[in-house]
Amino acid sequence: MKAPIIASLIVTGLASSVSAQAASIYAGESRAAAVCSQCHGIRGTSADAPFPQLAGRDAVYLESALKKYRDKTRKSDIMNNIAGSLSDQDIANVAAYYARIKP
């Protein structure tokens, strides 16, 4: 009797984690639209030379770069200020969003 209950809890937990991951992508899209889109474009495919394209970049790289900008160990007057307003969760969400966009 305990095995079906445990199996049910495991399946429910897996479904919740998939749902939470999808939610972070949507949260990242919303945050990116508010914070990143003016320079990097709505879909992260900026055509302007001074602003790098973010679409399709590796999520780990994006998280690392944003945290370095936020902590001011990577210097950029614009990015240090923008990233300074982002929490760890914001950074993870934005990175997940841009990593899933095709360049």
Protein backbone atom coordinates (compact mmCIF):
# COMPACT_ATOMS: atom_id res chain seq x y z
CA MET A 1 0.00 0.00 0.00
CA LYS A 2 2.88 2.38 0.73
CA ALA A 3 4.54 1.82 -2.66
CA PRO A 4 1.69 3.38 -4.72
CA ILE A 5 1.61 6.37 -2.39
CA ILE A 6 5.37 6.86 -2.68
CA ALA A 7 5.20 6.47 -6.47
CA SER A 8 2.40 9.01 -6.60
CA LEU A 9 4.42 11.49 -4.55
CA ILE A 10 7.44 11.02 -6.81
CA VAL A 11 5.39 11.63 -9.96
CA THR A 12 3.76 14.68 -8.38
CA GLY A 13 7.19 16.01 -7.38
CA LEU A 14 8.55 15.55 -10.91
CA ALA A 15 5.54 17.31 -12.40
CA SER A 16 6.01 20.18 -9.97
CA SER A 17 9.67 20.59 -10.86
CA VAL A 18 8.86 20.69 -14.60
CA SER A 19 6.16 23.25 -13.92
CA ALA A 20 8.52 25.34 -11.77
CA GLN A 21 11.16 25.26 -14.53
CA ALA A 22 8.64 26.47 -17.11
CA ALA A 23 7.53 29.23 -14.75
CA SER A 24 11.11 30.46 -14.47
CA ILE A 25 11.30 30.82 -18.24
CA TYR A 26 8.14 32.93 -18.26
CA ALA A 27 9.43 34.99 -15.34
CA GLY A 28 12.70 35.42 -17.23
CA GLU A 29 10.86 36.59 -20.34
CA SER A 30 8.97 39.17 -18.31
CA ARG A 31 12.08 40.41 -16.51
CA ALA A 32 14.10 40.49 -19.74
CA ALA A 33 11.40 42.55 -21.45
CA ALA A 34 11.54 45.06 -18.62
CA VAL A 35 15.31 45.19 -18.11
CA CYS A 36 17.25 43.86 -21.10
CA SER A 37 15.20 44.57 -24.21
CA GLN A 38 16.10 48.25 -24.68
CA CYS A 39 19.66 47.33 -25.60
CA HIS A 40 19.60 43.64 -26.51
CA GLY A 41 16.27 43.61 -28.33
CA ILE A 42 12.99 41.99 -27.36
CA ARG A 43 14.16 38.50 -28.37
CA GLY A 44 17.81 39.01 -27.41
CA THR A 45 18.90 39.28 -31.03
CA SER A 46 20.30 42.80 -31.06
CA ALA A 47 21.61 43.96 -34.40
CA ASP A 48 23.54 46.90 -32.95
CA ALA A 49 27.28 46.23 -32.61
CA PRO A 50 27.87 47.49 -29.07
CA PHE A 51 25.18 45.20 -27.62
CA PRO A 52 25.86 41.47 -27.80
CA GLN A 53 23.25 38.98 -28.89
CA LEU A 54 21.88 36.98 -25.94
CA ALA A 55 19.56 34.55 -27.70
CA GLY A 56 20.88 31.01 -27.69
CA ARG A 57 23.76 31.74 -25.30
CA ASP A 58 24.58 29.14 -22.67
CA ALA A 59 22.54 29.67 -19.47
CA VAL A 60 25.55 28.98 -17.23
CA TYR A 61 27.60 31.60 -19.08
CA LEU A 62 24.78 34.17 -18.89
CA GLU A 63 24.28 33.58 -15.17
CA SER A 64 27.99 33.89 -14.52
CA ALA A 65 28.31 37.08 -16.55
CA LEU A 66 25.27 38.71 -14.93
CA LYS A 67 26.48 37.86 -11.42
CA LYS A 68 29.92 39.28 -12.23
CA TYR A 69 28.30 42.49 -13.52
CA ARG A 70 26.10 42.65 -10.41
CA ASP A 71 29.10 42.11 -8.11
CA LYS A 72 31.16 44.58 -10.18
CA THR A 73 33.94 42.08 -10.83
CA ARG A 74 33.17 42.52 -14.53
CA LYS A 75 33.18 46.20 -15.43
CA SER A 76 30.56 48.02 -17.47
CA ASP A 77 28.91 51.22 -16.28
CA ILE A 78 25.59 50.24 -17.87
CA MET A 79 25.57 46.54 -16.99
CA ASN A 80 26.83 47.04 -13.43
CA ASN A 81 23.81 49.24 -12.73
CA ILE A 82 21.29 47.02 -14.50
CA ALA A 83 22.55 43.73 -13.05
CA GLY A 84 22.76 45.36 -9.63
CA SER A 85 18.97 45.36 -9.51
CA LEU A 86 18.69 41.60 -10.20
CA SER A 87 18.32 38.89 -7.57
CA ASP A 88 19.87 35.44 -8.01
CA GLN A 89 16.42 34.16 -9.05
CA ASP A 90 16.02 36.98 -11.60
CA ILE A 91 19.40 36.11 -13.07
CA ALA A 92 18.56 32.40 -13.29
CA ASN A 93 15.21 33.19 -14.92
CA VAL A 94 16.66 35.60 -17.49
CA ALA A 95 19.49 33.17 -18.32
CA ALA A 96 17.02 30.30 -18.76
CA TYR A 97 14.84 32.44 -21.02
CA TYR A 98 17.63 33.63 -23.33
CA ALA A 99 19.25 30.18 -23.48
CA ARG A 100 16.03 28.74 -24.95
CA ILE A 101 15.63 31.30 -27.74
CA LYS A 102 17.01 30.37 -31.14
CA PRO A 103 19.50 32.98 -32.39
